[in-house]
Amino acid sequence: MKVILLENVRKVGSIGQIIDVKRGFARNFLIAKKKALFASKENIKEVEKIKSDLNKKDQDKKNIAKELADKLKNKEYEIRKLSTENRELYGSVKPTEISKIIKEKENIEINPSMIQPTKEIKTLGLFVVVLSLHSEIQSEIKIKVTPQEDNQ
């Protein structure tokens, strides 16, 4: 299915580009999240007219993402979790938890879908987490998982 991109999408394409993607990806992700339009003749003309506005909006988003990346760069956050004697967690640390910690400590709203742990966090220790703040900007933070004391 041919679509026109309304914003830069990582590993897919850039603004105004007409690309051929699978129907499900186009309908369920690109069009649903207003990142693309069906590539009809009318839509192609419309996107050509507003391309400069779209580029300006994307540049603004990029600048905001760059500021966030600078604020969060190499920061370390501690999460306390219940664990077994052999340092394994009961469950794992999810992106939603990481998002909440960043919100509490820095008062910065990060969508959990932007958070990508390099590997699943299922044990105690220090982990690197990549934040995809923009299609061109990423930042790394560290998550330190420490044991939560049982108060019994």
N, C-alpha and C. Protein backbone atom coordinates (compact mmCIF):
# COMPACT_ATOMS: atom_id res chain seq x y z
N MET A 1 0.84 -1.17 0.00
CA MET A 1 0.00 0.00 0.00
C MET A 1 0.89 1.24 0.00
N LYS A 2 0.59 2.18 -0.85
CA LYS A 2 1.39 3.41 -0.95
C LYS A 2 0.81 4.48 -0.01
N VAL A 3 1.70 5.09 0.77
CA VAL A 3 1.32 6.16 1.68
C VAL A 3 2.33 7.30 1.56
N ILE A 4 1.91 8.50 1.99
CA ILE A 4 2.78 9.67 2.04
C ILE A 4 3.05 9.95 3.51
N LEU A 5 4.32 10.08 3.87
CA LEU A 5 4.67 10.33 5.27
C LEU A 5 4.45 11.79 5.64
N LEU A 6 3.85 12.01 6.80
CA LEU A 6 3.61 13.36 7.31
C LEU A 6 4.68 13.76 8.33
N GLU A 7 5.50 12.80 8.76
CA GLU A 7 6.61 13.11 9.65
C GLU A 7 7.72 12.09 9.43
N ASN A 8 8.90 12.40 9.93
CA ASN A 8 10.03 11.47 9.79
C ASN A 8 9.76 10.26 10.67
N VAL A 9 9.86 9.08 10.09
CA VAL A 9 9.67 7.85 10.84
C VAL A 9 10.95 7.04 10.72
N ARG A 10 11.51 6.71 11.85
CA ARG A 10 12.79 6.01 11.89
C ARG A 10 12.74 4.70 11.11
N LYS A 11 13.73 4.46 10.28
CA LYS A 11 13.90 3.27 9.46
C LYS A 11 12.78 3.08 8.43
N VAL A 12 11.96 4.12 8.20
CA VAL A 12 10.89 4.02 7.21
C VAL A 12 11.06 5.07 6.13
N GLY A 13 11.16 6.35 6.52
CA GLY A 13 11.32 7.42 5.54
C GLY A 13 11.17 8.79 6.17
N SER A 14 11.19 9.82 5.31
CA SER A 14 11.11 11.19 5.81
C SER A 14 9.86 11.89 5.27
N ILE A 15 9.62 13.08 5.76
CA ILE A 15 8.42 13.87 5.44
C ILE A 15 8.24 14.01 3.93
N GLY A 16 7.01 13.78 3.47
CA GLY A 16 6.66 13.97 2.07
C GLY A 16 7.03 12.82 1.16
N GLN A 17 7.73 11.84 1.70
CA GLN A 17 8.16 10.70 0.90
C GLN A 17 6.99 9.75 0.67
N ILE A 18 6.87 9.23 -0.55
CA ILE A 18 5.84 8.25 -0.85
C ILE A 18 6.50 6.88 -0.77
N ILE A 19 5.98 6.06 0.15
CA ILE A 19 6.59 4.75 0.36
C ILE A 19 5.55 3.65 0.20
N ASP A 20 6.03 2.45 -0.04
CA ASP A 20 5.17 1.29 -0.17
C ASP A 20 5.37 0.42 1.07
N VAL A 21 4.32 0.27 1.87
CA VAL A 21 4.40 -0.52 3.11
C VAL A 21 3.27 -1.55 3.13
N LYS A 22 3.36 -2.47 4.06
CA LYS A 22 2.29 -3.46 4.19
C LYS A 22 1.02 -2.79 4.67
N ARG A 23 -0.10 -3.31 4.22
CA ARG A 23 -1.41 -2.72 4.50
C ARG A 23 -1.66 -2.57 6.00
N GLY A 24 -1.35 -3.59 6.78
CA GLY A 24 -1.58 -3.53 8.23
C GLY A 24 -0.75 -2.46 8.91
N PHE A 25 0.52 -2.35 8.52
CA PHE A 25 1.40 -1.33 9.09
C PHE A 25 0.87 0.06 8.76
N ALA A 26 0.42 0.24 7.51
CA ALA A 26 -0.12 1.53 7.09
C ALA A 26 -1.37 1.88 7.89
N ARG A 27 -2.33 0.97 7.93
CA ARG A 27 -3.60 1.25 8.59
C ARG A 27 -3.49 1.33 10.10
N ASN A 28 -2.82 0.35 10.70
CA ASN A 28 -2.82 0.25 12.16
C ASN A 28 -1.81 1.16 12.85
N PHE A 29 -0.77 1.56 12.14
CA PHE A 29 0.24 2.40 12.79
C PHE A 29 0.36 3.77 12.13
N LEU A 30 0.79 3.80 10.89
CA LEU A 30 1.09 5.09 10.24
C LEU A 30 -0.13 6.00 10.14
N ILE A 31 -1.23 5.47 9.62
CA ILE A 31 -2.42 6.31 9.44
C ILE A 31 -3.13 6.53 10.77
N ALA A 32 -3.20 5.49 11.61
CA ALA A 32 -3.86 5.62 12.91
C ALA A 32 -3.19 6.67 13.79
N LYS A 33 -1.86 6.77 13.72
CA LYS A 33 -1.13 7.75 14.54
C LYS A 33 -0.87 9.05 13.79
N LYS A 34 -1.54 9.23 12.66
CA LYS A 34 -1.44 10.45 11.84
C LYS A 34 0.00 10.74 11.42
N LYS A 35 0.73 9.69 11.10
CA LYS A 35 2.09 9.83 10.61
C LYS A 35 2.12 9.75 9.08
N ALA A 36 0.99 9.34 8.47
CA ALA A 36 0.93 9.19 7.02
C ALA A 36 -0.50 9.32 6.51
N LEU A 37 -0.63 9.51 5.20
CA LEU A 37 -1.92 9.54 4.50
C LEU A 37 -1.86 8.57 3.34
N PHE A 38 -3.04 8.08 2.90
CA PHE A 38 -3.08 7.27 1.68
C PHE A 38 -2.51 8.10 0.53
N ALA A 39 -1.80 7.48 -0.39
CA ALA A 39 -1.14 8.20 -1.48
C ALA A 39 -2.08 8.40 -2.67
N SER A 40 -3.16 9.15 -2.46
CA SER A 40 -4.04 9.50 -3.57
C SER A 40 -3.50 10.78 -4.22
N LYS A 41 -3.98 11.10 -5.43
CA LYS A 41 -3.48 12.30 -6.12
C LYS A 41 -3.76 13.57 -5.32
N GLU A 42 -4.97 13.63 -4.72
CA GLU A 42 -5.33 14.82 -3.92
C GLU A 42 -4.41 14.96 -2.71
N ASN A 43 -4.17 13.83 -2.02
CA ASN A 43 -3.31 13.87 -0.84
C ASN A 43 -1.87 14.25 -1.19
N ILE A 44 -1.38 13.77 -2.32
CA ILE A 44 -0.02 14.11 -2.74
C ILE A 44 0.10 15.62 -2.96
N LYS A 45 -0.90 16.22 -3.64
CA LYS A 45 -0.88 17.67 -3.85
C LYS A 45 -0.96 18.42 -2.53
N GLU A 46 -1.82 17.96 -1.64
CA GLU A 46 -2.00 18.59 -0.32
C GLU A 46 -0.70 18.56 0.48
N VAL A 47 -0.03 17.42 0.50
CA VAL A 47 1.22 17.29 1.26
C VAL A 47 2.31 18.18 0.66
N GLU A 48 2.35 18.30 -0.66
CA GLU A 48 3.34 19.20 -1.29
C GLU A 48 3.14 20.64 -0.81
N LYS A 49 1.86 21.04 -0.66
CA LYS A 49 1.57 22.42 -0.21
C LYS A 49 2.03 22.64 1.23
N ILE A 50 1.78 21.66 2.10
CA ILE A 50 2.06 21.87 3.53
C ILE A 50 3.41 21.28 3.97
N LYS A 51 4.22 20.87 3.04
CA LYS A 51 5.50 20.22 3.36
C LYS A 51 6.40 21.11 4.22
N SER A 52 6.47 22.40 3.90
CA SER A 52 7.34 23.29 4.68
C SER A 52 6.85 23.41 6.13
N ASP A 53 5.51 23.47 6.32
CA ASP A 53 4.96 23.51 7.69
C ASP A 53 5.31 22.24 8.45
N LEU A 54 5.18 21.10 7.76
CA LEU A 54 5.50 19.82 8.40
C LEU A 54 6.98 19.76 8.78
N ASN A 55 7.85 20.26 7.90
CA ASN A 55 9.28 20.28 8.22
C ASN A 55 9.57 21.16 9.42
N LYS A 56 8.87 22.31 9.51
CA LYS A 56 9.06 23.22 10.63
C LYS A 56 8.61 22.56 11.95
N LYS A 57 7.44 21.89 11.91
CA LYS A 57 6.95 21.20 13.11
C LYS A 57 7.92 20.11 13.53
N ASP A 58 8.45 19.37 12.55
CA ASP A 58 9.39 18.30 12.85
C ASP A 58 10.66 18.88 13.46
N GLN A 59 11.11 20.02 12.96
CA GLN A 59 12.31 20.66 13.51
C GLN A 59 12.07 21.09 14.95
N ASP A 60 10.86 21.62 15.25
CA ASP A 60 10.52 21.99 16.63
C ASP A 60 10.55 20.77 17.54
N LYS A 61 9.95 19.66 17.08
CA LYS A 61 9.95 18.42 17.86
C LYS A 61 11.39 17.95 18.10
N LYS A 62 12.21 18.10 17.08
CA LYS A 62 13.61 17.66 17.18
C LYS A 62 14.36 18.50 18.22
N ASN A 63 14.11 19.82 18.23
CA ASN A 63 14.77 20.70 19.20
C ASN A 63 14.36 20.35 20.63
N ILE A 64 13.06 20.08 20.82
CA ILE A 64 12.57 19.70 22.15
C ILE A 64 13.21 18.37 22.57
N ALA A 65 13.27 17.43 21.64
CA ALA A 65 13.88 16.12 21.93
C ALA A 65 15.36 16.28 22.28
N LYS A 66 16.04 17.20 21.60
CA LYS A 66 17.46 17.43 21.87
C LYS A 66 17.66 17.97 23.29
N GLU A 67 16.78 18.91 23.71
CA GLU A 67 16.86 19.44 25.07
C GLU A 67 16.64 18.33 26.10
N LEU A 68 15.61 17.49 25.85
CA LEU A 68 15.33 16.37 26.76
C LEU A 68 16.54 15.43 26.83
N ALA A 69 17.11 15.14 25.67
CA ALA A 69 18.27 14.23 25.62
C ALA A 69 19.41 14.78 26.46
N ASP A 70 19.64 16.11 26.38
CA ASP A 70 20.71 16.72 27.17
C ASP A 70 20.43 16.64 28.67
N LYS A 71 19.15 16.84 29.06
CA LYS A 71 18.78 16.78 30.47
C LYS A 71 18.94 15.36 31.03
N LEU A 72 18.58 14.36 30.22
CA LEU A 72 18.55 12.99 30.72
C LEU A 72 19.84 12.21 30.47
N LYS A 73 20.74 12.77 29.69
CA LYS A 73 21.94 12.05 29.27
C LYS A 73 22.74 11.53 30.48
N ASN A 74 23.02 10.22 30.45
CA ASN A 74 23.82 9.53 31.47
C ASN A 74 23.29 9.66 32.90
N LYS A 75 22.00 9.93 33.07
CA LYS A 75 21.42 9.97 34.41
C LYS A 75 21.19 8.54 34.87
N GLU A 76 21.14 8.37 36.18
CA GLU A 76 20.92 7.04 36.75
C GLU A 76 19.70 7.11 37.67
N TYR A 77 18.79 6.16 37.52
CA TYR A 77 17.59 6.10 38.33
C TYR A 77 17.55 4.77 39.07
N GLU A 78 17.10 4.82 40.31
CA GLU A 78 17.06 3.61 41.12
C GLU A 78 15.62 3.11 41.24
N ILE A 79 15.47 1.82 41.04
CA ILE A 79 14.16 1.18 41.20
C ILE A 79 14.33 0.07 42.21
N ARG A 80 13.46 0.06 43.24
CA ARG A 80 13.52 -0.98 44.27
C ARG A 80 12.46 -2.03 43.95
N LYS A 81 12.91 -3.29 43.90
CA LYS A 81 12.00 -4.39 43.57
C LYS A 81 12.27 -5.57 44.51
N LEU A 82 11.22 -6.35 44.75
CA LEU A 82 11.38 -7.59 45.51
C LEU A 82 12.18 -8.58 44.68
N SER A 83 13.11 -9.29 45.34
CA SER A 83 13.94 -10.23 44.59
C SER A 83 14.17 -11.50 45.40
N THR A 84 14.61 -12.54 44.70
CA THR A 84 14.93 -13.81 45.35
C THR A 84 16.37 -13.75 45.87
N GLU A 85 16.79 -14.83 46.54
CA GLU A 85 18.16 -14.86 47.07
C GLU A 85 19.20 -14.84 45.96
N ASN A 86 18.87 -15.41 44.79
CA ASN A 86 19.85 -15.43 43.69
C ASN A 86 19.69 -14.25 42.75
N ARG A 87 19.28 -13.11 43.29
CA ARG A 87 19.25 -11.81 42.61
C ARG A 87 18.27 -11.70 41.45
N GLU A 88 17.31 -12.59 41.34
CA GLU A 88 16.29 -12.50 40.30
C GLU A 88 15.08 -11.77 40.84
N LEU A 89 14.43 -11.02 39.97
CA LEU A 89 13.25 -10.25 40.38
C LEU A 89 11.99 -11.08 40.27
N TYR A 90 11.00 -10.75 41.09
CA TYR A 90 9.67 -11.30 40.92
C TYR A 90 9.01 -10.43 39.85
N GLY A 91 9.03 -10.88 38.61
CA GLY A 91 8.55 -10.06 37.50
C GLY A 91 9.74 -9.34 36.87
N SER A 92 9.47 -8.25 36.17
CA SER A 92 10.55 -7.50 35.54
C SER A 92 10.23 -6.01 35.59
N VAL A 93 11.22 -5.20 35.25
CA VAL A 93 11.02 -3.75 35.21
C VAL A 93 10.52 -3.39 33.81
N LYS A 94 9.35 -2.80 33.73
CA LYS A 94 8.70 -2.48 32.46
C LYS A 94 8.93 -1.00 32.11
N PRO A 95 8.81 -0.65 30.81
CA PRO A 95 8.94 0.75 30.40
C PRO A 95 7.99 1.70 31.12
N THR A 96 6.80 1.23 31.50
CA THR A 96 5.86 2.11 32.23
C THR A 96 6.44 2.52 33.58
N GLU A 97 7.11 1.58 34.27
CA GLU A 97 7.74 1.91 35.56
C GLU A 97 8.85 2.93 35.37
N ILE A 98 9.65 2.73 34.34
CA ILE A 98 10.77 3.65 34.05
C ILE A 98 10.21 5.04 33.75
N SER A 99 9.12 5.08 32.99
CA SER A 99 8.47 6.35 32.65
C SER A 99 7.99 7.07 33.92
N LYS A 100 7.40 6.33 34.86
CA LYS A 100 6.93 6.92 36.12
C LYS A 100 8.07 7.48 36.94
N ILE A 101 9.18 6.75 37.00
CA ILE A 101 10.36 7.20 37.76
C ILE A 101 10.89 8.52 37.19
N ILE A 102 10.99 8.59 35.86
CA ILE A 102 11.50 9.82 35.22
C ILE A 102 10.54 10.97 35.50
N LYS A 103 9.23 10.69 35.47
CA LYS A 103 8.23 11.73 35.75
C LYS A 103 8.38 12.24 37.18
N GLU A 104 8.56 11.31 38.14
CA GLU A 104 8.71 11.70 39.55
C GLU A 104 9.99 12.51 39.80
N LYS A 105 11.11 12.02 39.26
CA LYS A 105 12.40 12.65 39.57
C LYS A 105 12.68 13.92 38.76
N GLU A 106 12.32 13.91 37.48
CA GLU A 106 12.69 15.02 36.59
C GLU A 106 11.51 15.87 36.16
N ASN A 107 10.30 15.39 36.43
CA ASN A 107 9.07 16.04 35.97
C ASN A 107 9.05 16.15 34.43
N ILE A 108 9.52 15.09 33.79
CA ILE A 108 9.52 15.02 32.33
C ILE A 108 8.64 13.85 31.91
N GLU A 109 7.70 14.13 31.05
CA GLU A 109 6.76 13.11 30.57
C GLU A 109 7.39 12.36 29.39
N ILE A 110 7.65 11.06 29.58
CA ILE A 110 8.21 10.23 28.51
C ILE A 110 7.23 9.11 28.25
N ASN A 111 6.82 8.96 27.00
CA ASN A 111 5.90 7.90 26.63
C ASN A 111 6.61 6.55 26.76
N PRO A 112 5.98 5.55 27.44
CA PRO A 112 6.63 4.25 27.59
C PRO A 112 7.06 3.60 26.27
N SER A 113 6.38 3.92 25.18
CA SER A 113 6.76 3.33 23.88
C SER A 113 8.10 3.87 23.39
N MET A 114 8.57 4.98 23.95
CA MET A 114 9.86 5.55 23.57
C MET A 114 11.02 4.90 24.33
N ILE A 115 10.69 4.09 25.33
CA ILE A 115 11.70 3.50 26.21
C ILE A 115 12.03 2.09 25.73
N GLN A 116 13.32 1.85 25.45
CA GLN A 116 13.74 0.55 24.94
C GLN A 116 14.91 0.03 25.76
N PRO A 117 14.62 -0.86 26.72
CA PRO A 117 15.74 -1.47 27.46
C PRO A 117 16.60 -2.28 26.48
N THR A 118 17.93 -2.24 26.64
CA THR A 118 18.80 -3.00 25.74
C THR A 118 18.60 -4.50 25.92
N LYS A 119 18.26 -4.91 27.15
CA LYS A 119 17.84 -6.29 27.39
C LYS A 119 16.81 -6.27 28.51
N GLU A 120 16.06 -7.35 28.64
CA GLU A 120 15.00 -7.39 29.63
C GLU A 120 15.58 -7.28 31.04
N ILE A 121 14.94 -6.48 31.87
CA ILE A 121 15.44 -6.24 33.23
C ILE A 121 14.72 -7.21 34.16
N LYS A 122 15.40 -8.33 34.47
CA LYS A 122 14.80 -9.37 35.30
C LYS A 122 15.64 -9.71 36.53
N THR A 123 16.78 -9.01 36.69
CA THR A 123 17.65 -9.28 37.83
C THR A 123 18.06 -7.95 38.48
N LEU A 124 18.69 -8.05 39.63
CA LEU A 124 19.24 -6.85 40.27
C LEU A 124 20.48 -6.42 39.50
N GLY A 125 20.79 -5.14 39.53
CA GLY A 125 22.00 -4.66 38.87
C GLY A 125 21.77 -3.36 38.12
N LEU A 126 22.73 -3.01 37.27
CA LEU A 126 22.70 -1.76 36.51
C LEU A 126 22.42 -2.08 35.04
N PHE A 127 21.45 -1.39 34.46
CA PHE A 127 21.05 -1.66 33.08
C PHE A 127 21.03 -0.36 32.29
N VAL A 128 21.39 -0.45 31.01
CA VAL A 128 21.33 0.70 30.11
C VAL A 128 20.00 0.65 29.37
N VAL A 129 19.33 1.80 29.33
CA VAL A 129 18.04 1.91 28.65
C VAL A 129 18.14 3.03 27.61
N VAL A 130 17.69 2.76 26.39
CA VAL A 130 17.73 3.74 25.31
C VAL A 130 16.37 4.43 25.23
N LEU A 131 16.39 5.76 25.17
CA LEU A 131 15.17 6.55 24.98
C LEU A 131 15.17 7.09 23.55
N SER A 132 14.16 6.70 22.76
CA SER A 132 14.03 7.23 21.40
C SER A 132 13.13 8.45 21.47
N LEU A 133 13.73 9.62 21.60
CA LEU A 133 12.99 10.85 21.80
C LEU A 133 12.50 11.46 20.49
N HIS A 134 13.14 11.10 19.38
CA HIS A 134 12.80 11.60 18.04
C HIS A 134 13.37 10.60 17.06
N SER A 135 12.93 10.64 15.82
CA SER A 135 13.44 9.67 14.85
C SER A 135 14.95 9.77 14.67
N GLU A 136 15.54 10.93 14.99
CA GLU A 136 16.98 11.12 14.83
C GLU A 136 17.73 11.27 16.15
N ILE A 137 17.00 11.34 17.27
CA ILE A 137 17.64 11.62 18.56
C ILE A 137 17.33 10.52 19.57
N GLN A 138 18.43 9.98 20.13
CA GLN A 138 18.30 8.98 21.19
C GLN A 138 19.14 9.42 22.37
N SER A 139 18.74 8.95 23.54
CA SER A 139 19.51 9.24 24.74
C SER A 139 19.59 7.95 25.56
N GLU A 140 20.62 7.83 26.37
CA GLU A 140 20.76 6.65 27.21
C GLU A 140 20.68 7.06 28.66
N ILE A 141 19.95 6.25 29.44
CA ILE A 141 19.93 6.42 30.89
C ILE A 141 20.28 5.07 31.51
N LYS A 142 20.61 5.10 32.80
CA LYS A 142 20.92 3.86 33.50
C LYS A 142 19.83 3.61 34.54
N ILE A 143 19.44 2.36 34.65
CA ILE A 143 18.47 1.96 35.66
C ILE A 143 19.18 1.01 36.62
N LYS A 144 19.22 1.41 37.89
CA LYS A 144 19.85 0.56 38.90
C LYS A 144 18.73 -0.11 39.69
N VAL A 145 18.70 -1.43 39.59
CA VAL A 145 17.67 -2.19 40.31
C VAL A 145 18.26 -2.70 41.60
N THR A 146 17.66 -2.29 42.72
CA THR A 146 18.15 -2.68 44.04
C THR A 146 17.07 -3.47 44.77
N PRO A 147 17.48 -4.30 45.75
CA PRO A 147 16.49 -5.09 46.46
C PRO A 147 15.63 -4.23 47.37
N GLN A 148 14.36 -4.58 47.42
CA GLN A 148 13.43 -3.89 48.32
C GLN A 148 13.42 -4.69 49.62
N GLU A 149 13.54 -3.99 50.72
CA GLU A 149 13.59 -4.68 52.01
C GLU A 149 12.20 -5.15 52.40
N ASP A 150 12.13 -6.37 52.90
CA ASP A 150 10.85 -6.88 53.42
C ASP A 150 10.64 -6.33 54.82
N ASN A 151 9.50 -5.68 55.05
CA ASN A 151 9.18 -5.15 56.37
C ASN A 151 8.17 -6.06 57.04
N GLN A 152 8.67 -7.19 57.54
CA GLN A 152 7.74 -8.16 58.17
C GLN A 152 8.10 -8.38 59.61
